Protein backbone atom coordinates (compact mmCIF):
# COMPACT_ATOMS: atom_id res chain seq x y z
CA UNK A 1 -10.38 18.94 24.55
CA UNK A 2 -10.74 17.22 21.16
CA UNK A 3 -7.84 17.16 18.74
CA UNK A 4 -8.27 19.44 15.73
CA UNK A 5 -9.09 17.55 12.53
CA UNK A 6 -6.05 18.69 10.55
CA UNK A 7 -2.83 18.49 12.52
CA UNK A 8 -0.04 20.86 11.57
CA UNK A 9 2.43 19.53 9.05
CA UNK A 10 0.47 16.34 8.34
CA UNK A 11 1.97 16.30 4.84
CA UNK A 12 5.22 14.73 6.14
CA UNK A 13 5.46 11.44 8.00
CA UNK A 14 7.91 9.57 10.21
CA UNK A 15 7.46 5.81 10.53
CA UNK A 16 8.87 3.73 13.42
CA UNK A 17 8.60 -0.07 12.96
CA UNK A 18 9.68 -3.40 14.45
CA UNK A 19 9.60 -2.11 18.04
CA UNK A 20 7.84 -3.16 21.21
CA UNK A 21 5.23 -0.57 22.16
CA UNK A 22 3.65 0.34 25.51
CA UNK A 23 0.87 2.79 24.68
CA UNK A 24 -0.22 3.50 28.31
CA UNK A 25 -3.74 4.04 26.96
CA UNK A 26 -6.85 3.32 29.04
CA UNK A 27 -6.50 -0.41 28.31
CA UNK A 28 -2.71 -0.53 28.72
CA UNK A 29 -2.49 -1.77 25.12
CA UNK A 30 0.92 -3.19 24.23
CA UNK A 31 2.46 -4.66 21.08
CA UNK A 32 5.37 -7.07 21.11
CA UNK A 33 6.26 -5.82 17.62
CA UNK A 34 4.47 -2.87 16.12
CA UNK A 35 4.63 0.52 14.43
CA UNK A 36 3.92 4.19 15.04
CA UNK A 37 3.21 6.63 12.21
CA UNK A 38 3.79 10.29 13.03
CA UNK A 39 2.23 12.88 10.71
CA UNK A 40 3.42 16.39 11.44
CA UNK A 41 3.11 16.88 15.20
CA UNK A 42 0.50 14.14 15.75
CA UNK A 43 0.39 10.39 16.08
CA UNK A 44 -1.50 9.31 12.95
CA UNK A 45 -1.70 5.57 13.58
CA UNK A 46 -0.30 2.86 15.83
CA UNK A 47 -0.66 -0.89 15.86
CA UNK A 48 0.80 -4.37 15.64
CA UNK A 49 2.98 -5.60 12.79
CA UNK A 50 4.20 -3.46 9.92
CA UNK A 51 3.08 0.08 9.16
CA UNK A 52 0.44 0.51 6.45
CA UNK A 53 1.69 0.32 2.87
CA UNK A 54 1.58 3.23 0.48
CA UNK A 55 2.04 6.10 2.92
CA UNK A 56 2.84 9.36 1.18
CA UNK A 57 5.62 11.79 2.07
CA UNK A 58 7.50 9.51 4.47
CA UNK A 59 10.62 11.57 5.24
CA UNK A 60 12.07 9.14 7.74
CA UNK A 61 11.66 5.42 8.37
CA UNK A 62 13.20 4.04 11.59
CA UNK A 63 13.91 0.37 12.32
CA UNK A 64 13.07 0.03 16.02
CA UNK A 65 14.37 -3.52 16.43
CA UNK A 66 15.60 -3.99 20.00
CA UNK A 67 13.68 -0.97 21.28
CA UNK A 68 10.61 -0.11 23.32
CA UNK A 69 8.48 2.90 22.39
CA UNK A 70 6.60 4.67 25.17
CA UNK A 71 4.96 8.05 25.60
CA UNK A 72 7.46 10.74 26.53
CA UNK A 73 7.99 11.20 30.26
CA UNK A 74 6.17 14.09 31.94
CA UNK A 75 7.84 15.86 34.85
CA UNK A 76 5.39 17.45 37.30
CA UNK A 77 7.63 19.16 39.88
CA UNK A 78 11.09 20.71 39.70
CA UNK A 79 13.19 23.74 40.69
CA UNK A 80 15.63 24.32 37.84
CA UNK A 81 17.67 27.05 39.57
CA UNK A 82 18.93 24.49 42.10
CA UNK A 83 21.14 22.90 39.41
CA UNK A 84 23.91 25.30 40.46
CA UNK A 85 23.66 24.44 44.18
CA UNK A 86 23.85 20.65 43.93
CA UNK A 87 25.78 18.66 46.51
CA UNK A 88 25.25 21.08 49.41
CA UNK A 89 23.61 20.43 52.81
CA UNK A 90 23.56 16.73 52.05
CA UNK A 91 22.78 15.61 55.61
CA UNK A 92 19.86 17.93 56.41
CA UNK A 93 16.11 17.52 56.75
CA UNK A 94 13.86 19.84 54.74
CA UNK A 95 13.63 22.81 57.11
CA UNK A 96 17.35 22.79 57.99
CA UNK A 97 18.20 22.35 54.29
CA UNK A 98 16.06 25.37 53.37
CA UNK A 99 17.62 27.53 56.09
CA UNK A 100 21.09 26.50 54.88
CA UNK A 101 20.42 27.25 51.21
CA UNK A 102 17.99 30.19 51.11
CA UNK A 103 20.78 32.79 51.69
CA UNK A 104 22.57 31.42 48.61
CA UNK A 105 19.46 31.04 46.45
CA UNK A 106 18.45 34.63 47.25
CA UNK A 107 21.46 35.84 45.23
CA UNK A 108 20.64 34.22 41.90
CA UNK A 109 20.40 36.34 38.76
CA UNK A 110 19.21 35.90 35.19
CA UNK A 111 22.42 34.40 33.82
CA UNK A 112 22.60 31.89 36.65
CA UNK A 113 18.97 30.89 36.18
CA UNK A 114 19.39 30.50 32.42
CA UNK A 115 22.41 28.23 32.90
CA UNK A 116 20.70 26.20 35.62
CA UNK A 117 17.61 25.77 33.45
CA UNK A 118 19.77 24.53 30.57
CA UNK A 119 21.43 21.97 32.83
CA UNK A 120 18.16 20.80 34.37
CA UNK A 121 16.33 20.57 31.04
CA UNK A 122 19.23 18.90 29.28
CA UNK A 123 19.56 16.14 31.86
CA UNK A 124 15.84 15.41 31.79
CA UNK A 125 15.54 15.48 28.00
CA UNK A 126 18.47 13.07 27.60
CA UNK A 127 16.55 10.70 29.87
CA UNK A 128 13.26 10.70 27.98
CA UNK A 129 11.40 13.72 29.37
CA UNK A 130 9.36 15.39 26.64
CA UNK A 131 7.26 17.65 28.90
CA UNK A 132 9.16 19.50 31.62
CA UNK A 133 7.93 21.68 34.46
CA UNK A 134 9.66 24.23 36.67
CA UNK A 135 8.33 25.69 39.92
CA UNK A 136 10.38 28.88 40.17
CA UNK A 137 9.62 30.98 43.25
CA UNK A 138 12.81 32.92 44.10
CA UNK A 139 12.72 36.39 42.50
CA UNK A 140 15.32 38.66 44.15
CA UNK A 141 14.94 42.34 43.35
CA UNK A 142 17.03 43.45 40.38
CA UNK A 143 17.80 39.88 39.29
CA UNK A 144 16.46 40.26 35.74
CA UNK A 145 13.83 38.37 33.78
CA UNK A 146 14.05 34.99 35.50
CA UNK A 147 10.81 33.59 34.09
CA UNK A 148 11.84 34.60 30.59
CA UNK A 149 15.24 32.94 31.06
CA UNK A 150 13.66 29.62 32.02
CA UNK A 151 11.08 29.70 29.25
CA UNK A 152 13.76 30.62 26.72
CA UNK A 153 15.92 27.68 27.79
CA UNK A 154 13.00 25.25 27.35
CA UNK A 155 12.21 26.68 23.92
CA UNK A 156 15.85 26.33 22.87
CA UNK A 157 15.96 22.72 24.10
CA UNK A 158 12.78 21.88 22.15
CA UNK A 159 10.79 20.37 25.02
CA UNK A 160 7.19 21.03 25.96
CA UNK A 161 7.11 23.13 29.13
CA UNK A 162 5.00 24.38 32.03
CA UNK A 163 6.32 27.24 34.16
CA UNK A 164 4.73 27.31 37.61
CA UNK A 165 5.32 30.98 38.40
CA UNK A 166 6.02 30.83 42.12
CA UNK A 167 6.23 33.49 44.78
CA UNK A 168 7.02 34.05 48.46
CA UNK A 169 5.90 36.89 50.74
CA UNK A 170 6.41 35.34 54.21
CA UNK A 171 10.03 35.95 55.27
CA UNK A 172 11.93 35.47 58.51
CA UNK A 173 10.43 38.59 60.06
CA UNK A 174 6.95 37.11 59.52
CA UNK A 175 7.84 33.69 60.89
CA UNK A 176 8.80 32.15 57.53
CA UNK A 177 12.07 30.60 56.40
CA UNK A 178 13.34 32.80 53.52
CA UNK A 179 15.55 35.81 54.28
CA UNK A 180 13.71 39.13 54.25
CA UNK A 181 15.45 40.25 51.04
CA UNK A 182 14.42 37.09 49.17
CA UNK A 183 10.66 37.62 49.04
CA UNK A 184 8.21 39.75 47.06
CA UNK A 185 5.33 41.84 48.33
CA UNK A 186 1.82 40.45 48.05
CA UNK A 187 0.90 43.01 45.39
CA UNK A 188 4.17 42.61 43.52
CA UNK A 189 3.91 38.83 43.40
CA UNK A 190 0.35 38.86 42.10
CA UNK A 191 1.08 41.50 39.47
CA UNK A 192 4.22 39.75 38.22
CA UNK A 193 2.42 36.39 38.10
CA UNK A 194 -0.46 37.85 36.08
CA UNK A 195 1.98 39.48 33.66
CA UNK A 196 3.82 36.16 33.19
CA UNK A 197 0.58 34.33 32.40
CA UNK A 198 -0.58 36.98 29.93
CA UNK A 199 2.81 37.12 28.23
CA UNK A 200 3.67 33.43 27.99
CA UNK A 201 0.69 31.10 28.54
CA UNK A 202 -0.60 29.26 25.46
CA UNK A 203 -3.94 27.48 25.90
CA UNK A 204 -3.94 25.74 22.50
CA UNK A 205 -4.03 21.96 22.01
CA UNK A 206 -0.41 21.73 20.92
CA UNK A 207 0.97 24.45 23.23
CA UNK A 208 4.69 24.28 23.88
CA UNK A 209 4.59 26.74 26.81
CA UNK A 210 2.02 27.01 29.59
CA UNK A 211 2.03 28.89 32.90
CA UNK A 212 0.53 28.01 36.28
CA UNK A 213 0.04 30.17 39.40
CA UNK A 214 2.26 28.73 42.13
CA UNK A 215 2.82 30.39 45.55
CA UNK A 216 5.64 28.40 47.13
CA UNK A 217 4.32 26.76 50.31
CA UNK A 218 2.25 27.44 53.43
CA UNK A 219 5.36 28.32 55.44
CA UNK A 220 6.72 30.87 52.94
CA UNK A 221 3.47 32.44 51.72
CA UNK A 222 0.79 34.51 53.46
CA UNK A 223 -2.79 33.28 53.59
CA UNK A 224 -3.81 36.29 51.52
CA UNK A 225 -1.36 35.34 48.75
CA UNK A 226 -2.75 31.81 48.75
CA UNK A 227 -6.34 33.07 48.47
CA UNK A 228 -5.69 35.77 45.92
CA UNK A 229 -3.38 33.47 43.95
CA UNK A 230 -6.20 30.94 43.58
CA UNK A 231 -8.61 33.68 42.53
CA UNK A 232 -6.08 34.98 39.98
CA UNK A 233 -5.49 31.54 38.45
CA UNK A 234 -9.19 30.90 38.01
CA UNK A 235 -9.82 34.33 36.56
CA UNK A 236 -7.04 33.73 34.02
CA UNK A 237 -8.03 30.11 33.35
CA UNK A 238 -4.72 28.49 34.34
CA UNK A 239 -3.73 25.77 36.80
CA UNK A 240 -2.52 26.10 40.40
CA UNK A 241 0.52 24.48 42.02
CA UNK A 242 2.25 24.52 45.41
CA UNK A 243 4.05 22.31 47.93
CA UNK A 244 1.88 20.37 50.36
CA UNK A 245 2.21 18.00 53.33
CA UNK A 246 5.88 17.34 52.69
CA UNK A 247 7.10 16.88 56.28
CA UNK A 248 5.85 16.42 59.83
CA UNK A 249 7.36 19.83 60.61
CA UNK A 250 5.09 21.41 58.00
CA UNK A 251 2.04 19.77 59.55
CA UNK A 252 3.06 21.08 62.96
CA UNK A 253 3.62 24.55 61.49
CA UNK A 254 0.12 24.58 59.96
CA UNK A 255 -1.54 23.49 63.21
CA UNK A 256 0.35 26.11 65.21
CA UNK A 257 -0.21 28.98 62.77
CA UNK A 258 -3.60 28.19 61.24
CA UNK A 259 -5.20 25.83 63.77
CA UNK A 260 -5.62 23.07 61.18
CA UNK A 261 -3.65 20.59 59.10
CA UNK A 262 -2.34 21.33 55.61
CA UNK A 263 -5.22 19.82 53.63
CA UNK A 264 -7.87 21.67 55.63
CA UNK A 265 -5.82 24.85 55.24
CA UNK A 266 -5.60 24.38 51.50
CA UNK A 267 -9.34 23.84 51.28
CA UNK A 268 -10.00 26.98 53.34
CA UNK A 269 -7.93 29.06 50.89
CA UNK A 270 -9.45 27.65 47.69
CA UNK A 271 -6.59 25.29 46.97
CA UNK A 272 -8.36 22.01 46.35
CA UNK A 273 -9.80 21.27 42.91
CA UNK A 274 -9.25 19.53 39.60
CA UNK A 275 -7.17 22.52 38.45
CA UNK A 276 -4.71 22.10 41.36
CA UNK A 277 -1.73 19.84 41.92
CA UNK A 278 0.51 19.63 44.97
CA UNK A 279 4.12 18.51 45.26
CA UNK A 280 5.04 15.70 47.66
CA UNK A 281 1.94 15.00 49.82
CA UNK A 282 3.95 12.64 52.00
CA UNK A 283 2.03 13.05 55.25
CA UNK A 284 -1.60 12.46 54.23
CA UNK A 285 -4.18 10.69 56.38
CA UNK A 286 -7.27 8.90 55.04
CA UNK A 287 -9.35 12.07 55.26
CA UNK A 288 -6.74 14.05 53.32
CA UNK A 289 -6.62 11.45 50.54
CA UNK A 290 -10.42 11.38 50.38
CA UNK A 291 -10.50 15.18 50.02
CA UNK A 292 -7.99 15.06 47.15
CA UNK A 293 -9.99 12.30 45.45
CA UNK A 294 -13.31 14.10 45.93
CA UNK A 295 -11.97 17.34 44.44
CA UNK A 296 -9.68 15.86 41.77
CA UNK A 297 -6.60 17.53 43.27
CA UNK A 298 -3.42 16.07 41.79
CA UNK A 299 -0.12 15.01 43.36
CA UNK A 300 3.47 15.25 42.12
CA UNK A 301 5.28 12.32 43.74
CA UNK A 302 9.03 12.96 44.20
CA UNK A 303 10.46 9.76 45.72
CA UNK A 304 14.18 10.52 45.46
CA UNK A 305 13.88 13.98 47.00
CA UNK A 306 11.62 12.69 49.77
CA UNK A 307 14.25 10.06 50.60
CA UNK A 308 17.18 12.51 50.29
CA UNK A 309 15.54 14.89 52.82
CA UNK A 310 14.20 12.04 55.01
CA UNK A 311 10.66 13.37 54.54
CA UNK A 312 8.99 9.97 54.42
CA UNK A 313 7.10 7.73 52.01
CA UNK A 314 4.02 9.13 50.28
CA UNK A 315 0.97 6.85 50.27
CA UNK A 316 0.89 6.55 46.49
CA UNK A 317 -0.92 3.16 46.32
CA UNK A 318 -3.70 4.52 48.55
CA UNK A 319 -3.94 7.70 46.48
CA UNK A 320 -4.25 5.73 43.25
CA UNK A 321 -6.84 3.40 44.76
CA UNK A 322 -8.89 6.41 45.82
CA UNK A 323 -8.71 7.96 42.34
CA UNK A 324 -6.24 10.77 43.05
CA UNK A 325 -4.29 11.86 39.92
CA UNK A 326 -0.58 11.17 40.59
CA UNK A 327 2.46 12.01 38.46
CA UNK A 328 6.19 11.93 39.09
CA UNK A 329 8.57 14.80 39.80
CA UNK A 330 12.35 15.16 39.86
CA UNK A 331 12.13 18.01 42.42
CA UNK A 332 14.97 20.48 42.67
CA UNK A 333 18.44 19.17 41.97
CA UNK A 334 19.71 20.41 45.32
CA UNK A 335 17.63 17.54 46.77
CA UNK A 336 17.88 15.11 43.84
CA UNK A 337 21.30 15.63 42.38
CA UNK A 338 20.79 13.24 39.44
CA UNK A 339 18.16 15.55 37.95
CA UNK A 340 16.60 12.70 35.97
CA UNK A 341 12.99 11.54 35.81
CA UNK A 342 13.47 8.08 34.29
CA UNK A 343 15.24 6.99 37.48
CA UNK A 344 12.12 8.05 39.39
CA UNK A 345 10.15 5.26 37.71
CA UNK A 346 12.36 2.76 39.52
CA UNK A 347 12.60 4.71 42.75
CA UNK A 348 8.84 5.24 42.98
CA UNK A 349 8.31 1.50 42.71
CA UNK A 350 11.07 0.49 45.14
CA UNK A 351 10.41 3.13 47.80
CA UNK A 352 6.67 2.50 47.85
CA UNK A 353 7.36 -1.20 48.40
CA UNK A 354 8.98 -0.20 51.69
CA UNK A 355 5.58 1.10 52.82
CA UNK A 356 2.49 -0.65 54.12
CA UNK A 357 1.59 -2.39 50.83
CA UNK A 358 5.02 -4.01 50.46
CA UNK A 359 5.46 -5.95 47.18
CA UNK A 360 1.90 -5.12 46.08
CA UNK A 361 2.48 -1.35 46.27
CA UNK A 362 3.34 -0.69 42.60
CA UNK A 363 4.29 -2.75 39.57
CA UNK A 364 6.33 -1.80 36.50
CA UNK A 365 3.36 -0.70 34.41
CA UNK A 366 1.91 1.41 37.20
CA UNK A 367 5.29 3.12 37.57
CA UNK A 368 5.43 3.83 33.83
CA UNK A 369 1.89 5.22 33.96
CA UNK A 370 2.86 7.57 36.82
CA UNK A 371 5.68 8.97 34.69
CA UNK A 372 3.60 9.40 31.53
CA UNK A 373 -0.21 9.53 31.60
CA UNK A 374 -0.30 10.34 35.33
CA UNK A 375 1.92 13.35 34.75
CA UNK A 376 -0.25 14.49 31.84
CA UNK A 377 -3.32 14.28 34.08
CA UNK A 378 -1.65 16.33 36.79
CA UNK A 379 -0.67 19.05 34.29
CA UNK A 380 -4.18 19.09 32.78
CA UNK A 381 -2.99 17.74 29.41
CA UNK A 382 -4.19 14.12 29.39
CA UNK A 383 -6.20 14.65 26.19
CA UNK A 384 -3.04 15.75 24.37
CA UNK A 385 -0.05 13.83 25.75
CA UNK A 386 0.82 10.99 28.14
CA UNK A 387 -0.27 8.02 26.02
CA UNK A 388 0.31 6.82 22.45
CA UNK A 389 -3.01 7.17 20.64
CA UNK A 390 -4.04 8.38 17.20
CA UNK A 391 -4.72 12.12 17.27
CA UNK A 392 -2.53 12.84 20.27
CA UNK A 393 0.62 14.93 20.07
CA UNK A 394 3.72 13.07 18.88
CA UNK A 395 5.72 13.13 22.12
CA UNK A 396 7.38 9.71 22.34
CA UNK A 397 10.60 7.97 23.29
CA UNK A 398 12.47 5.06 21.70
CA UNK A 399 14.34 3.22 24.47
CA UNK A 400 17.19 0.82 23.60
CA UNK A 401 16.58 -2.45 25.46
CA UNK A 402 18.85 -4.89 23.59
CA UNK A 403 22.12 -3.73 25.14
CA UNK A 404 24.10 -5.20 28.02
CA UNK A 405 21.96 -3.51 30.67
CA UNK A 406 18.62 -4.88 29.48
CA UNK A 407 18.88 -7.66 26.87
CA UNK A 408 18.43 -10.53 29.34
CA UNK A 409 15.12 -9.10 30.67
CA UNK A 410 12.35 -10.54 28.50
CA UNK A 411 9.71 -7.92 29.25
CA UNK A 412 10.77 -4.49 27.93
CA UNK A 413 8.59 -2.50 30.37
CA UNK A 414 10.14 -4.39 33.27
CA UNK A 415 13.54 -3.71 31.70
CA UNK A 416 13.19 0.09 31.69
CA UNK A 417 11.57 0.30 35.14
CA UNK A 418 13.46 -2.31 37.17
CA UNK A 419 16.68 -2.17 35.18
CA UNK A 420 19.38 0.43 34.77
CA UNK A 421 18.44 3.73 33.16
CA UNK A 422 17.81 2.75 29.54
CA UNK A 423 19.58 4.66 26.74
CA UNK A 424 17.37 6.94 24.63
CA UNK A 425 17.89 6.32 20.91
CA UNK A 426 15.26 8.86 19.84
CA UNK A 427 12.98 11.34 21.59
CA UNK A 428 10.32 13.24 19.63
CA UNK A 429 8.52 16.32 20.96
CA UNK A 430 5.70 17.67 18.83
CA UNK A 431 6.93 15.31 16.13
CA UNK A 432 10.44 16.81 16.12
CA UNK A 433 13.60 15.01 17.31
CA UNK A 434 15.19 16.52 20.43
CA UNK A 435 17.49 13.61 21.38
CA UNK A 436 19.22 11.05 19.16
CA UNK A 437 21.53 8.31 20.38
CA UNK A 438 21.62 9.83 23.84
CA UNK A 439 22.70 13.31 22.70
CA UNK A 440 20.78 16.57 22.70
CA UNK A 441 20.22 17.88 19.18
CA UNK A 442 19.56 21.59 19.67
CA UNK A 443 22.14 22.60 22.26
CA UNK A 444 25.82 21.96 23.02
CA UNK A 445 26.01 19.69 26.07
CA UNK A 446 29.67 20.41 26.71
CA UNK A 447 29.05 24.15 26.62
CA UNK A 448 26.17 23.76 29.09
CA UNK A 449 28.43 21.79 31.44
CA UNK A 450 31.03 24.56 31.37
CA UNK A 451 28.54 27.37 31.87
CA UNK A 452 26.73 25.66 34.73
CA UNK A 453 30.05 25.02 36.49
CA UNK A 454 31.08 28.65 36.05
CA UNK A 455 27.74 30.01 37.26
CA UNK A 456 27.75 27.67 40.27
CA UNK A 457 31.19 28.95 41.22
CA UNK A 458 30.12 32.57 40.71
CA UNK A 459 27.05 32.09 42.92
CA UNK A 460 29.17 30.43 45.62
CA UNK A 461 31.61 33.38 45.60
CA UNK A 462 28.80 35.95 45.83
CA UNK A 463 27.13 34.06 48.68
CA UNK A 464 30.41 33.75 50.56
CA UNK A 465 31.15 37.46 50.21
CA UNK A 466 27.69 38.30 51.50
């Protein structure tokens, strides 16, 4: 999709100068000292040295000395509601963890989900995420407008957002993991998903809210919901998302129930294609990777969650070599309690070096690309975000790299990937500041902390009484 010729608000400009820049463009262009000019919600120009002279209507000029500018981070898989069940079932594998937590999750309501979304979004935004994503799939009856609560929280925070409207219709009585009262009917799930897309999805170039169709997983969703969900997404022109090949138990489940492995099952239900991305994809053989590459199916790599649940190490270097689009995901904060994406840059690199490729698995710039342009590819927005290029949306982050945690590392990209989590001095989304000097601008962080604590305690009481 080409950028419109006249970006909104181009009459006002913000200029950032004297900073190192990693554009993450097709050539991995970098500047040891350069500038970025933002006009309205677009990047107007970028280059080495000082910004052009004589720019009109410059409302803000920022000295970026001691900083690195990168594209904003793009999160490709998350479950916001889990913010209020962090720190539970800490010694479980995936299936046991789900069995332990589903009875609690099934009792969430709108106020809990709103608070959890605020906590999840706030933690990511403070750490450089400019495009967030939530795969919400638990919709208990009578729980309120959960999708609206999540979307409202993202709008209030000021971040770009994709809601993957999830669903489950395979409960314990059908051989699935969720309790019977925690799932929707096939018809109800499809109707609610279609309504969410029609009400909230924005297909424009600079959209702040988009919606994807996202049945939860093969072991919590009927084959008919998978098939009809894919048909619905393509009829409405939106993307598709689900969990795939996360554990060996899932692979065994698919063979026992469907007579084939997860990738073949997904293909049989219409779930491979360049409009699809899967979370995790840990247990993929060569044939699986080839199928994803052939069809353009994307992957959300969640290294911390995969380690926390002992799921294994995804074959990210092999996926990238084959041409599979790969981005990074926080995953739910009940399996990645930090809730941050910038730490996933480091963890993706380190964990993949424990695999077959060892020290050649990933380098710092590949890790940064996973968290920026790779995520934009996976969300279908690579023409709009994910790299710093003239005409793209002004989603960018100014990382402080001259402090005690990073100043002795000469290369700034190495500093933010291999080093400690770098402080965010400024984060722009759509050309507007959302974080300055490590603090959220549009919401009260202390109030969010209090509300999330209260809602976590309320959920725990309700679950215990039930």
